[in-house]
N, C-alpha and C. Protein backbone atom coordinates (compact mmCIF):
# COMPACT_ATOMS: atom_id res chain seq x y z
N MET A 1 0.81 -1.21 0.00
CA MET A 1 0.00 0.00 0.00
C MET A 1 0.84 1.25 0.00
N GLY A 2 2.10 1.13 0.42
CA GLY A 2 2.97 2.29 0.42
C GLY A 2 2.79 3.21 1.61
N LEU A 3 2.11 2.76 2.65
CA LEU A 3 1.90 3.62 3.81
C LEU A 3 3.11 3.60 4.73
N MET A 4 3.29 4.68 5.44
CA MET A 4 4.34 4.74 6.46
C MET A 4 3.89 3.91 7.67
N PRO A 5 4.83 3.49 8.51
CA PRO A 5 4.43 2.84 9.76
C PRO A 5 3.50 3.74 10.55
N HIS A 6 2.45 3.16 11.12
CA HIS A 6 1.44 3.96 11.79
C HIS A 6 1.96 4.53 13.12
N SER A 7 1.57 5.75 13.38
CA SER A 7 1.76 6.31 14.71
C SER A 7 0.57 5.86 15.56
N ASN A 8 0.50 6.34 16.77
CA ASN A 8 -0.55 5.87 17.67
C ASN A 8 -1.27 7.07 18.30
N PRO A 9 -1.89 7.92 17.47
CA PRO A 9 -2.52 9.13 18.03
C PRO A 9 -3.83 8.80 18.74
N ILE A 10 -4.15 9.58 19.76
CA ILE A 10 -5.41 9.41 20.47
C ILE A 10 -6.42 10.43 19.95
N ASN A 11 -7.68 10.17 20.23
CA ASN A 11 -8.76 11.09 19.87
C ASN A 11 -8.74 11.46 18.37
N THR A 12 -8.48 10.43 17.54
CA THR A 12 -8.39 10.66 16.10
C THR A 12 -9.20 9.60 15.37
N TYR A 13 -9.97 10.03 14.37
CA TYR A 13 -10.69 9.07 13.54
C TYR A 13 -9.69 8.38 12.60
N ALA A 14 -9.86 7.06 12.45
CA ALA A 14 -8.97 6.30 11.57
C ALA A 14 -9.02 6.83 10.14
N SER A 15 -10.21 7.23 9.67
CA SER A 15 -10.34 7.71 8.31
C SER A 15 -9.50 8.96 8.08
N GLU A 16 -9.42 9.84 9.07
CA GLU A 16 -8.61 11.05 8.95
C GLU A 16 -7.12 10.70 8.89
N LEU A 17 -6.73 9.75 9.73
CA LEU A 17 -5.32 9.35 9.77
C LEU A 17 -4.90 8.75 8.43
N TYR A 18 -5.69 7.83 7.89
CA TYR A 18 -5.36 7.21 6.61
C TYR A 18 -5.30 8.25 5.50
N SER A 19 -6.27 9.14 5.47
CA SER A 19 -6.32 10.15 4.42
C SER A 19 -5.07 11.02 4.45
N LYS A 20 -4.63 11.44 5.63
CA LYS A 20 -3.43 12.27 5.74
C LYS A 20 -2.19 11.51 5.28
N GLU A 21 -2.13 10.19 5.61
CA GLU A 21 -0.96 9.41 5.21
C GLU A 21 -0.89 9.25 3.70
N PHE A 22 -2.02 9.00 3.05
CA PHE A 22 -2.02 8.90 1.59
C PHE A 22 -1.64 10.22 0.95
N CYS A 23 -2.09 11.33 1.52
CA CYS A 23 -1.77 12.65 0.96
C CYS A 23 -0.28 12.94 1.01
N LEU A 24 0.44 12.31 1.93
CA LEU A 24 1.87 12.55 2.05
C LEU A 24 2.63 12.15 0.79
N TRP A 25 2.03 11.27 -0.04
CA TRP A 25 2.72 10.87 -1.26
C TRP A 25 2.98 12.05 -2.18
N SER A 26 2.16 13.09 -2.11
CA SER A 26 2.39 14.28 -2.93
C SER A 26 3.76 14.87 -2.65
N ASP A 27 4.16 14.88 -1.38
CA ASP A 27 5.45 15.42 -1.00
C ASP A 27 6.56 14.38 -1.12
N ARG A 28 6.23 13.11 -0.84
CA ARG A 28 7.27 12.09 -0.74
C ARG A 28 7.92 11.78 -2.08
N ILE A 29 7.14 11.74 -3.16
CA ILE A 29 7.75 11.47 -4.47
C ILE A 29 7.37 12.51 -5.51
N ASP A 30 7.05 13.70 -5.05
CA ASP A 30 6.80 14.83 -5.94
C ASP A 30 5.73 14.52 -6.97
N LEU A 31 4.63 13.92 -6.52
CA LEU A 31 3.48 13.66 -7.36
C LEU A 31 2.51 14.84 -7.27
N PRO A 32 1.60 14.95 -8.23
CA PRO A 32 0.57 15.99 -8.10
C PRO A 32 -0.27 15.75 -6.86
N LEU A 33 -1.08 16.73 -6.52
CA LEU A 33 -1.88 16.65 -5.31
C LEU A 33 -2.69 15.36 -5.28
N LEU A 34 -2.52 14.60 -4.22
CA LEU A 34 -3.19 13.32 -4.08
C LEU A 34 -3.99 13.29 -2.79
N ASP A 35 -5.04 12.51 -2.80
CA ASP A 35 -5.72 12.18 -1.56
C ASP A 35 -6.12 10.72 -1.64
N ILE A 36 -6.82 10.24 -0.64
CA ILE A 36 -7.11 8.82 -0.57
C ILE A 36 -7.98 8.36 -1.75
N LYS A 37 -8.74 9.26 -2.37
CA LYS A 37 -9.59 8.88 -3.51
C LYS A 37 -8.76 8.37 -4.68
N ASN A 38 -7.53 8.90 -4.83
CA ASN A 38 -6.69 8.45 -5.94
C ASN A 38 -6.29 6.98 -5.81
N PHE A 39 -6.31 6.47 -4.59
CA PHE A 39 -5.90 5.09 -4.36
C PHE A 39 -7.06 4.10 -4.46
N LEU A 40 -8.28 4.61 -4.53
CA LEU A 40 -9.44 3.74 -4.61
C LEU A 40 -9.64 3.24 -6.04
N PRO A 41 -10.23 2.04 -6.24
CA PRO A 41 -10.70 1.14 -5.19
C PRO A 41 -9.64 0.16 -4.70
N SER A 42 -8.44 0.15 -5.32
CA SER A 42 -7.50 -0.92 -5.02
C SER A 42 -6.67 -0.68 -3.77
N LEU A 43 -6.43 0.61 -3.42
CA LEU A 43 -5.54 0.93 -2.29
C LEU A 43 -4.18 0.26 -2.47
N TRP A 44 -3.64 0.38 -3.69
CA TRP A 44 -2.41 -0.34 -4.03
C TRP A 44 -1.47 0.58 -4.78
N LEU A 45 -0.30 0.86 -4.21
CA LEU A 45 0.62 1.85 -4.76
C LEU A 45 1.06 1.55 -6.19
N PRO A 46 1.46 0.31 -6.56
CA PRO A 46 1.89 0.07 -7.95
C PRO A 46 0.82 0.42 -8.98
N LEU A 47 -0.44 0.13 -8.69
CA LEU A 47 -1.52 0.47 -9.63
C LEU A 47 -1.67 1.98 -9.76
N LEU A 48 -1.55 2.70 -8.64
CA LEU A 48 -1.62 4.15 -8.69
C LEU A 48 -0.51 4.71 -9.57
N LEU A 49 0.71 4.22 -9.38
CA LEU A 49 1.85 4.73 -10.13
C LEU A 49 1.70 4.40 -11.62
N GLN A 50 1.17 3.22 -11.93
CA GLN A 50 0.91 2.89 -13.34
C GLN A 50 -0.03 3.92 -13.97
N SER A 51 -1.06 4.30 -13.23
CA SER A 51 -2.02 5.26 -13.77
C SER A 51 -1.40 6.63 -14.00
N LEU A 52 -0.26 6.89 -13.35
CA LEU A 52 0.42 8.18 -13.49
C LEU A 52 1.60 8.10 -14.46
N GLY A 53 1.69 6.98 -15.22
CA GLY A 53 2.72 6.87 -16.24
C GLY A 53 4.01 6.20 -15.81
N TYR A 54 4.05 5.62 -14.62
CA TYR A 54 5.25 4.93 -14.17
C TYR A 54 5.34 3.53 -14.78
N GLU A 55 6.58 3.10 -15.08
CA GLU A 55 6.84 1.69 -15.32
C GLU A 55 7.05 1.03 -13.96
N THR A 56 6.45 -0.12 -13.73
CA THR A 56 6.55 -0.77 -12.43
C THR A 56 7.21 -2.13 -12.58
N HIS A 57 8.24 -2.35 -11.78
CA HIS A 57 9.04 -3.58 -11.88
C HIS A 57 9.25 -4.15 -10.48
N ALA A 58 9.44 -5.45 -10.42
CA ALA A 58 9.73 -6.09 -9.14
C ALA A 58 10.74 -7.21 -9.35
N ARG A 59 11.71 -7.29 -8.45
CA ARG A 59 12.65 -8.40 -8.38
C ARG A 59 12.65 -8.88 -6.93
N VAL A 60 12.25 -10.12 -6.73
CA VAL A 60 12.14 -10.64 -5.36
C VAL A 60 12.99 -11.89 -5.23
N SER A 61 13.52 -12.10 -4.04
CA SER A 61 14.41 -13.23 -3.81
C SER A 61 13.83 -14.27 -2.86
N MET A 62 12.71 -13.95 -2.21
CA MET A 62 12.12 -14.87 -1.25
C MET A 62 10.90 -15.57 -1.87
N PRO A 63 10.82 -16.91 -1.81
CA PRO A 63 9.71 -17.64 -2.45
C PRO A 63 8.33 -17.23 -1.95
N VAL A 64 8.23 -16.72 -0.71
CA VAL A 64 6.91 -16.31 -0.21
C VAL A 64 6.37 -15.09 -0.95
N LEU A 65 7.21 -14.46 -1.77
CA LEU A 65 6.79 -13.32 -2.59
C LEU A 65 6.77 -13.68 -4.07
N ASN A 66 6.66 -14.97 -4.40
CA ASN A 66 6.74 -15.39 -5.79
C ASN A 66 5.61 -14.79 -6.63
N PRO A 67 5.74 -14.83 -7.97
CA PRO A 67 4.76 -14.16 -8.83
C PRO A 67 3.32 -14.65 -8.70
N SER A 68 3.08 -15.80 -8.07
CA SER A 68 1.72 -16.29 -7.90
C SER A 68 1.01 -15.70 -6.68
N THR A 69 1.73 -14.92 -5.89
CA THR A 69 1.14 -14.35 -4.68
C THR A 69 0.40 -13.06 -5.01
N PRO A 70 -0.52 -12.65 -4.14
CA PRO A 70 -1.34 -11.45 -4.43
C PRO A 70 -0.54 -10.16 -4.57
N ILE A 71 0.70 -10.13 -4.07
CA ILE A 71 1.48 -8.89 -4.17
C ILE A 71 1.79 -8.56 -5.63
N ASN A 72 1.73 -9.54 -6.52
CA ASN A 72 2.01 -9.32 -7.94
C ASN A 72 0.79 -8.72 -8.62
N ARG A 73 0.49 -7.49 -8.26
CA ARG A 73 -0.60 -6.72 -8.88
C ARG A 73 -0.07 -5.35 -9.26
N GLY A 74 -0.34 -4.96 -10.48
CA GLY A 74 0.07 -3.62 -10.89
C GLY A 74 1.52 -3.51 -11.32
N PHE A 75 2.16 -4.64 -11.62
CA PHE A 75 3.55 -4.60 -12.06
C PHE A 75 3.64 -4.94 -13.54
N ASP A 76 4.45 -4.17 -14.27
CA ASP A 76 4.69 -4.47 -15.67
C ASP A 76 5.51 -5.74 -15.83
N ASP A 77 6.45 -5.96 -14.93
CA ASP A 77 7.13 -7.26 -14.88
C ASP A 77 7.55 -7.55 -13.45
N TYR A 78 7.46 -8.82 -13.10
CA TYR A 78 7.64 -9.26 -11.71
C TYR A 78 8.36 -10.61 -11.77
N LYS A 79 9.56 -10.70 -11.19
CA LYS A 79 10.34 -11.93 -11.31
C LYS A 79 10.90 -12.37 -9.96
N LEU A 80 10.91 -13.68 -9.76
CA LEU A 80 11.59 -14.30 -8.62
C LEU A 80 12.96 -14.74 -9.10
N VAL A 81 14.03 -14.25 -8.45
CA VAL A 81 15.38 -14.60 -8.86
C VAL A 81 15.73 -15.99 -8.34
N PRO A 82 16.76 -16.65 -8.93
CA PRO A 82 17.03 -18.06 -8.60
C PRO A 82 17.40 -18.32 -7.14
N ASN A 83 18.14 -17.42 -6.52
CA ASN A 83 18.64 -17.66 -5.16
C ASN A 83 18.26 -16.52 -4.23
N HIS A 84 18.17 -16.84 -2.94
CA HIS A 84 17.74 -15.82 -1.99
C HIS A 84 18.80 -14.75 -1.76
N ASP A 85 20.07 -15.07 -2.05
CA ASP A 85 21.14 -14.09 -1.82
C ASP A 85 21.66 -13.58 -3.16
N SER A 86 20.77 -12.95 -3.93
CA SER A 86 21.12 -12.54 -5.30
C SER A 86 20.94 -11.04 -5.51
N LEU A 87 21.17 -10.23 -4.49
CA LEU A 87 20.98 -8.80 -4.65
C LEU A 87 21.88 -8.23 -5.74
N ASP A 88 23.10 -8.76 -5.87
CA ASP A 88 23.99 -8.27 -6.93
C ASP A 88 23.39 -8.52 -8.30
N ILE A 89 22.76 -9.69 -8.50
CA ILE A 89 22.11 -9.99 -9.78
C ILE A 89 20.91 -9.08 -9.99
N ILE A 90 20.13 -8.87 -8.94
CA ILE A 90 18.95 -8.02 -9.04
C ILE A 90 19.34 -6.61 -9.47
N LEU A 91 20.34 -6.04 -8.82
CA LEU A 91 20.72 -4.66 -9.11
C LEU A 91 21.33 -4.52 -10.50
N ASN A 92 22.02 -5.56 -10.97
CA ASN A 92 22.58 -5.51 -12.31
C ASN A 92 21.49 -5.53 -13.38
N GLU A 93 20.30 -6.06 -13.04
CA GLU A 93 19.21 -6.11 -13.99
C GLU A 93 18.44 -4.79 -14.08
N VAL A 94 18.61 -3.93 -13.09
CA VAL A 94 17.86 -2.68 -13.06
C VAL A 94 18.41 -1.73 -14.13
N SER A 95 17.52 -1.21 -14.96
CA SER A 95 17.91 -0.22 -15.95
C SER A 95 16.92 0.93 -15.89
N PHE A 96 17.42 2.13 -16.11
CA PHE A 96 16.59 3.32 -16.02
C PHE A 96 16.36 3.89 -17.42
N GLY A 97 15.09 4.06 -17.77
CA GLY A 97 14.74 4.65 -19.05
C GLY A 97 14.29 6.09 -18.87
N GLU A 98 13.63 6.61 -19.91
CA GLU A 98 13.17 7.99 -19.84
C GLU A 98 11.91 8.12 -18.99
N SER A 99 11.08 7.07 -18.96
CA SER A 99 9.85 7.13 -18.16
C SER A 99 10.19 6.99 -16.69
N PRO A 100 9.39 7.60 -15.81
CA PRO A 100 9.60 7.37 -14.38
C PRO A 100 9.38 5.90 -14.06
N GLN A 101 10.15 5.39 -13.13
CA GLN A 101 10.08 3.96 -12.81
C GLN A 101 9.93 3.73 -11.32
N PHE A 102 9.24 2.66 -11.02
CA PHE A 102 9.10 2.20 -9.64
C PHE A 102 9.64 0.78 -9.59
N TRP A 103 10.60 0.55 -8.69
CA TRP A 103 11.20 -0.77 -8.53
C TRP A 103 10.95 -1.28 -7.12
N LEU A 104 10.38 -2.47 -7.03
CA LEU A 104 10.31 -3.19 -5.76
C LEU A 104 11.47 -4.18 -5.75
N ILE A 105 12.38 -4.00 -4.81
CA ILE A 105 13.56 -4.86 -4.71
C ILE A 105 13.58 -5.53 -3.35
N ASN A 106 13.53 -6.86 -3.37
CA ASN A 106 13.53 -7.65 -2.14
C ASN A 106 14.81 -8.47 -2.10
N THR A 107 15.48 -8.45 -0.97
CA THR A 107 16.73 -9.19 -0.85
C THR A 107 16.66 -10.16 0.32
N GLY A 108 17.39 -11.27 0.20
CA GLY A 108 17.35 -12.30 1.24
C GLY A 108 18.68 -12.56 1.90
N GLU A 109 19.67 -11.69 1.64
CA GLU A 109 21.00 -11.93 2.23
C GLU A 109 20.99 -11.97 3.75
N THR A 110 20.08 -11.22 4.36
CA THR A 110 20.08 -11.15 5.83
C THR A 110 19.20 -12.23 6.46
N HIS A 111 18.68 -13.16 5.64
CA HIS A 111 17.96 -14.31 6.18
C HIS A 111 18.95 -15.44 6.48
N TYR A 112 18.57 -16.30 7.43
CA TYR A 112 19.36 -17.50 7.69
C TYR A 112 19.55 -18.27 6.39
N PRO A 113 20.76 -18.76 6.07
CA PRO A 113 21.97 -18.84 6.89
C PRO A 113 22.94 -17.67 6.74
N TYR A 114 22.43 -16.48 6.37
CA TYR A 114 23.23 -15.25 6.38
C TYR A 114 24.47 -15.37 5.48
N MET A 115 24.29 -15.97 4.31
CA MET A 115 25.33 -16.13 3.30
C MET A 115 26.46 -17.06 3.75
N LEU A 116 26.25 -17.81 4.83
CA LEU A 116 27.24 -18.79 5.27
C LEU A 116 27.10 -20.07 4.44
N LYS A 117 28.17 -20.53 3.83
CA LYS A 117 28.16 -21.80 3.08
C LYS A 117 28.73 -22.87 4.00
N ASP A 118 27.97 -23.21 5.02
CA ASP A 118 28.44 -24.12 6.06
C ASP A 118 27.53 -25.35 6.10
N PRO A 119 27.99 -26.50 5.60
CA PRO A 119 27.14 -27.70 5.59
C PRO A 119 26.78 -28.22 6.96
N SER A 120 27.49 -27.76 8.01
CA SER A 120 27.18 -28.25 9.36
C SER A 120 25.96 -27.56 9.95
N LEU A 121 25.51 -26.47 9.36
CA LEU A 121 24.34 -25.78 9.87
C LEU A 121 23.09 -26.59 9.58
N PRO A 122 22.17 -26.67 10.53
CA PRO A 122 20.93 -27.41 10.29
C PRO A 122 20.05 -26.70 9.28
N ILE A 123 19.18 -27.44 8.62
CA ILE A 123 18.23 -26.86 7.68
C ILE A 123 17.07 -26.27 8.47
N VAL A 124 16.90 -24.97 8.36
CA VAL A 124 15.79 -24.28 9.01
C VAL A 124 14.87 -23.79 7.91
N SER A 125 13.78 -24.52 7.68
CA SER A 125 12.93 -24.26 6.53
C SER A 125 11.87 -23.22 6.83
N GLY A 126 11.63 -22.35 5.87
CA GLY A 126 10.46 -21.50 5.90
C GLY A 126 9.27 -22.27 5.34
N LEU A 127 8.23 -21.56 4.99
CA LEU A 127 7.00 -22.20 4.51
C LEU A 127 7.25 -23.07 3.29
N HIS A 128 7.90 -22.52 2.25
CA HIS A 128 8.09 -23.28 1.02
C HIS A 128 9.04 -24.45 1.22
N GLY A 129 10.07 -24.25 2.05
CA GLY A 129 10.98 -25.35 2.34
C GLY A 129 10.29 -26.48 3.08
N ALA A 130 9.39 -26.12 4.00
CA ALA A 130 8.65 -27.14 4.74
C ALA A 130 7.73 -27.94 3.82
N VAL A 131 7.09 -27.23 2.88
CA VAL A 131 6.20 -27.92 1.93
C VAL A 131 6.99 -28.89 1.07
N LYS A 132 8.19 -28.49 0.65
CA LYS A 132 9.02 -29.37 -0.18
C LYS A 132 9.37 -30.66 0.55
N ARG A 133 9.42 -30.61 1.87
CA ARG A 133 9.88 -31.75 2.65
C ARG A 133 8.73 -32.48 3.36
N LEU A 134 7.50 -32.28 2.89
CA LEU A 134 6.36 -32.90 3.56
C LEU A 134 6.44 -34.41 3.57
N ASN A 135 7.00 -35.00 2.53
CA ASN A 135 7.08 -36.46 2.43
C ASN A 135 8.42 -37.00 2.89
N GLN A 136 9.19 -36.18 3.57
CA GLN A 136 10.49 -36.61 4.06
C GLN A 136 10.48 -36.61 5.59
N ASP A 137 11.46 -37.32 6.13
CA ASP A 137 11.65 -37.27 7.58
C ASP A 137 12.24 -35.91 7.93
N ILE A 138 11.55 -35.17 8.77
CA ILE A 138 11.98 -33.82 9.12
C ILE A 138 12.67 -33.84 10.47
N LEU A 139 13.90 -33.32 10.49
CA LEU A 139 14.65 -33.21 11.73
C LEU A 139 14.36 -31.86 12.35
N LEU A 140 13.64 -31.86 13.47
CA LEU A 140 13.31 -30.60 14.12
C LEU A 140 14.55 -30.00 14.77
N VAL A 141 14.64 -28.70 14.70
CA VAL A 141 15.79 -27.99 15.25
C VAL A 141 15.54 -27.65 16.72
N ASP A 142 16.44 -28.09 17.57
CA ASP A 142 16.41 -27.70 18.98
C ASP A 142 17.41 -26.56 19.13
N VAL A 143 16.89 -25.35 19.31
CA VAL A 143 17.77 -24.18 19.32
C VAL A 143 18.86 -24.30 20.37
N SER A 144 18.51 -24.82 21.53
CA SER A 144 19.48 -24.88 22.63
C SER A 144 20.64 -25.80 22.33
N SER A 145 20.41 -26.88 21.56
CA SER A 145 21.50 -27.81 21.26
C SER A 145 22.16 -27.52 19.93
N ASP A 146 21.37 -27.17 18.90
CA ASP A 146 21.95 -26.89 17.58
C ASP A 146 22.65 -25.54 17.54
N PHE A 147 22.15 -24.57 18.32
CA PHE A 147 22.73 -23.24 18.31
C PHE A 147 23.12 -22.84 19.73
N PRO A 148 24.19 -23.42 20.28
CA PRO A 148 24.67 -22.95 21.59
C PRO A 148 25.12 -21.50 21.49
N GLU A 149 25.43 -20.91 22.63
CA GLU A 149 25.73 -19.48 22.69
C GLU A 149 26.85 -19.08 21.73
N GLU A 150 27.89 -19.91 21.64
CA GLU A 150 29.01 -19.58 20.75
C GLU A 150 28.57 -19.53 19.29
N LYS A 151 27.78 -20.53 18.86
CA LYS A 151 27.31 -20.55 17.47
C LYS A 151 26.30 -19.44 17.23
N MET A 152 25.52 -19.09 18.24
CA MET A 152 24.56 -18.00 18.08
C MET A 152 25.30 -16.69 17.80
N ARG A 153 26.43 -16.47 18.50
CA ARG A 153 27.23 -15.28 18.24
C ARG A 153 27.79 -15.31 16.82
N LEU A 154 28.22 -16.49 16.37
CA LEU A 154 28.72 -16.63 15.01
C LEU A 154 27.66 -16.25 13.99
N LEU A 155 26.43 -16.72 14.21
CA LEU A 155 25.34 -16.42 13.28
C LEU A 155 24.99 -14.94 13.29
N LYS A 156 24.97 -14.34 14.47
CA LYS A 156 24.65 -12.92 14.56
C LYS A 156 25.70 -12.09 13.84
N ASN A 157 26.98 -12.42 14.02
CA ASN A 157 28.05 -11.70 13.33
C ASN A 157 27.96 -11.91 11.83
N ALA A 158 27.54 -13.12 11.41
CA ALA A 158 27.38 -13.38 9.98
C ALA A 158 26.27 -12.52 9.40
N GLN A 159 25.19 -12.34 10.16
CA GLN A 159 24.12 -11.48 9.65
C GLN A 159 24.58 -10.02 9.56
N LEU A 160 25.37 -9.59 10.53
CA LEU A 160 25.90 -8.22 10.48
C LEU A 160 26.78 -8.02 9.25
N ARG A 161 27.58 -9.03 8.90
CA ARG A 161 28.40 -8.94 7.69
C ARG A 161 27.50 -8.87 6.45
N ALA A 162 26.40 -9.64 6.46
CA ALA A 162 25.47 -9.63 5.34
C ALA A 162 24.82 -8.25 5.20
N VAL A 163 24.49 -7.64 6.33
CA VAL A 163 23.90 -6.29 6.30
C VAL A 163 24.88 -5.30 5.69
N ARG A 164 26.15 -5.37 6.10
CA ARG A 164 27.16 -4.46 5.54
C ARG A 164 27.33 -4.69 4.04
N TYR A 165 27.28 -5.95 3.63
CA TYR A 165 27.40 -6.28 2.21
C TYR A 165 26.23 -5.67 1.42
N VAL A 166 25.02 -5.84 1.93
CA VAL A 166 23.84 -5.28 1.28
C VAL A 166 23.93 -3.75 1.23
N ASP A 167 24.36 -3.16 2.33
CA ASP A 167 24.50 -1.70 2.40
C ASP A 167 25.48 -1.19 1.34
N LYS A 168 26.59 -1.91 1.16
CA LYS A 168 27.60 -1.52 0.17
C LYS A 168 27.02 -1.61 -1.25
N LEU A 169 26.31 -2.71 -1.55
CA LEU A 169 25.73 -2.87 -2.88
C LEU A 169 24.72 -1.77 -3.18
N ILE A 170 23.87 -1.47 -2.20
CA ILE A 170 22.84 -0.44 -2.41
C ILE A 170 23.49 0.93 -2.58
N SER A 171 24.53 1.22 -1.81
CA SER A 171 25.22 2.51 -1.93
C SER A 171 25.79 2.69 -3.32
N GLU A 172 26.42 1.63 -3.86
CA GLU A 172 26.99 1.71 -5.21
C GLU A 172 25.88 1.86 -6.24
N PHE A 173 24.77 1.17 -6.02
CA PHE A 173 23.63 1.24 -6.94
C PHE A 173 23.05 2.66 -6.97
N VAL A 174 22.91 3.27 -5.81
CA VAL A 174 22.34 4.61 -5.73
C VAL A 174 23.24 5.62 -6.44
N LYS A 175 24.55 5.48 -6.28
CA LYS A 175 25.48 6.40 -6.93
C LYS A 175 25.36 6.35 -8.45
N GLY A 176 25.02 5.18 -9.00
CA GLY A 176 24.92 5.03 -10.44
C GLY A 176 23.55 5.31 -11.00
N SER A 177 22.61 5.69 -10.15
CA SER A 177 21.25 5.95 -10.61
C SER A 177 21.10 7.39 -11.08
N PRO A 178 20.11 7.66 -11.92
CA PRO A 178 19.90 9.03 -12.37
C PRO A 178 19.37 9.90 -11.23
N SER A 179 19.47 11.21 -11.44
CA SER A 179 18.97 12.13 -10.42
C SER A 179 17.45 12.08 -10.37
N ASN A 180 16.92 12.68 -9.33
CA ASN A 180 15.46 12.72 -9.11
C ASN A 180 14.85 11.33 -9.08
N THR A 181 15.55 10.42 -8.40
CA THR A 181 15.07 9.05 -8.23
C THR A 181 14.71 8.85 -6.77
N HIS A 182 13.58 8.21 -6.54
CA HIS A 182 13.09 8.01 -5.18
C HIS A 182 13.39 6.58 -4.74
N PHE A 183 13.91 6.43 -3.53
CA PHE A 183 14.28 5.12 -3.02
C PHE A 183 13.57 4.82 -1.71
N ILE A 184 13.09 3.61 -1.59
CA ILE A 184 12.61 3.09 -0.31
C ILE A 184 13.32 1.77 -0.07
N VAL A 185 14.05 1.68 1.02
CA VAL A 185 14.77 0.46 1.39
C VAL A 185 14.18 -0.02 2.70
N THR A 186 13.61 -1.21 2.68
CA THR A 186 12.97 -1.71 3.90
C THR A 186 13.07 -3.23 3.94
N SER A 187 12.55 -3.82 5.00
CA SER A 187 12.56 -5.26 5.17
C SER A 187 11.23 -5.68 5.76
N ASP A 188 11.07 -6.98 6.00
CA ASP A 188 9.77 -7.46 6.45
C ASP A 188 9.73 -7.85 7.92
N HIS A 189 10.87 -7.96 8.57
CA HIS A 189 10.88 -8.38 9.98
C HIS A 189 12.27 -8.22 10.56
N GLY A 190 12.35 -8.33 11.87
CA GLY A 190 13.63 -8.39 12.54
C GLY A 190 14.06 -9.83 12.72
N GLU A 191 15.10 -10.05 13.49
CA GLU A 191 15.67 -11.39 13.64
C GLU A 191 16.11 -11.60 15.09
N LEU A 192 15.90 -12.81 15.58
CA LEU A 192 16.23 -13.16 16.96
C LEU A 192 17.45 -14.07 17.00
N PHE A 193 18.30 -13.85 18.00
CA PHE A 193 19.49 -14.68 18.18
C PHE A 193 19.58 -15.14 19.63
N GLY A 194 18.55 -15.84 20.07
CA GLY A 194 18.54 -16.40 21.41
C GLY A 194 17.77 -15.61 22.44
N GLU A 195 17.31 -14.41 22.08
CA GLU A 195 16.53 -13.61 23.02
C GLU A 195 15.26 -14.38 23.41
N SER A 196 15.04 -14.52 24.71
CA SER A 196 13.86 -15.21 25.26
C SER A 196 13.75 -16.64 24.74
N GLY A 197 14.86 -17.24 24.30
CA GLY A 197 14.84 -18.61 23.81
C GLY A 197 14.41 -18.75 22.36
N PHE A 198 14.28 -17.65 21.63
CA PHE A 198 13.85 -17.70 20.23
C PHE A 198 15.04 -17.56 19.29
N PHE A 199 14.88 -18.12 18.09
CA PHE A 199 15.86 -17.95 17.04
C PHE A 199 15.15 -17.65 15.72
N GLY A 200 15.69 -16.71 14.96
CA GLY A 200 15.13 -16.42 13.64
C GLY A 200 13.92 -15.52 13.72
N HIS A 201 12.89 -15.90 12.95
CA HIS A 201 11.67 -15.10 12.88
C HIS A 201 10.52 -16.05 12.56
N GLY A 202 9.39 -15.50 12.23
CA GLY A 202 8.23 -16.33 11.92
C GLY A 202 7.05 -15.89 12.76
N PRO A 203 6.18 -16.83 13.12
CA PRO A 203 5.01 -16.46 13.93
C PRO A 203 5.39 -16.26 15.39
N ILE A 204 6.27 -15.29 15.64
CA ILE A 204 6.80 -15.03 16.97
C ILE A 204 6.45 -13.59 17.36
N CYS A 205 5.74 -13.42 18.44
CA CYS A 205 5.39 -12.08 18.92
C CYS A 205 6.49 -11.62 19.88
N HIS A 206 7.50 -11.01 19.33
CA HIS A 206 8.63 -10.54 20.12
C HIS A 206 9.06 -9.18 19.57
N PRO A 207 9.42 -8.23 20.42
CA PRO A 207 9.80 -6.90 19.94
C PRO A 207 10.90 -6.90 18.89
N LYS A 208 11.86 -7.83 18.98
CA LYS A 208 12.95 -7.86 18.01
C LYS A 208 12.45 -8.20 16.61
N VAL A 209 11.43 -9.06 16.52
CA VAL A 209 10.86 -9.42 15.22
C VAL A 209 10.12 -8.22 14.63
N HIS A 210 9.55 -7.40 15.50
CA HIS A 210 8.76 -6.26 15.05
C HIS A 210 9.63 -5.05 14.68
N GLU A 211 10.94 -5.13 14.88
CA GLU A 211 11.82 -4.03 14.52
C GLU A 211 12.15 -4.11 13.03
N VAL A 212 11.44 -3.31 12.24
CA VAL A 212 11.59 -3.35 10.79
C VAL A 212 12.33 -2.11 10.32
N PRO A 213 13.49 -2.26 9.66
CA PRO A 213 14.21 -1.09 9.17
C PRO A 213 13.47 -0.42 8.03
N PHE A 214 13.52 0.89 7.97
CA PHE A 214 12.86 1.64 6.89
C PHE A 214 13.68 2.88 6.60
N LEU A 215 14.12 2.99 5.36
CA LEU A 215 14.91 4.14 4.93
C LEU A 215 14.29 4.69 3.65
N GLU A 216 14.01 5.99 3.64
CA GLU A 216 13.42 6.61 2.47
C GLU A 216 14.17 7.90 2.16
N PHE A 217 14.55 8.05 0.90
CA PHE A 217 15.26 9.28 0.51
C PHE A 217 15.11 9.48 -0.98
N GLN A 218 15.47 10.66 -1.44
CA GLN A 218 15.36 11.00 -2.85
C GLN A 218 16.67 11.54 -3.36
N ARG A 219 17.15 10.92 -4.45
CA ARG A 219 18.38 11.39 -5.08
C ARG A 219 18.02 12.52 -6.02
N ARG A 220 18.59 13.69 -5.78
CA ARG A 220 18.24 14.87 -6.56
C ARG A 220 19.43 15.31 -7.41
N GLY A 221 19.13 15.97 -8.50
CA GLY A 221 20.18 16.49 -9.37
C GLY A 221 20.98 17.57 -8.68
N ILE A 222 22.27 17.67 -8.99
CA ILE A 222 23.15 18.68 -8.38
C ILE A 222 23.22 19.88 -9.32
N LYS A 223 22.82 21.02 -8.82
CA LYS A 223 22.84 22.23 -9.64
C LYS A 223 24.25 22.79 -9.74
N SER A 224 24.63 23.15 -10.94
CA SER A 224 25.97 23.69 -11.14
C SER A 224 26.00 25.17 -10.72
């Protein structure tokens, strides 16, 4: 939908709050005056941008966002890349034309196993991995035995290295982009490394999982 994370105001009608948030798009990406009516009936940012002449593209690395999912609406092209840690491939495919463009870029480098090529690590399957193994004997992961404190530190440091790697790739990508380009860099969840006995993410109600990074900025032309 393209909405900012919600604040928690009191004595406010929800309709007023939503309307104000949608109107912010006028300032956020220098669009003409917008209000919530422009988003109806779909309430979907890619469709709105298409109606305003944008080309809409998506490159996703996580199978839960594959082209058969409902998120694939309003995109001129939408592709799932071969591997979850393929941000370099994704960014190399991005090309900028004369028309304004909207790119949804999803990266999986910061997901387990955090770019570690270590065969000793247990298989920790997400939804699609679990479905693939329905007819197999599944070895359940005991966090306390498979990931003792020392290995948990190793995994956390590996994720930090993956974050720095992603940050470097995005920085280089932004430098090579044309001026007056709008960027949103975000993720879908936080990650746990032993806090309260949890590891990873998923259907876990924990503050660390709810910590979602969000960075928004606009690259503008430099006046001589």
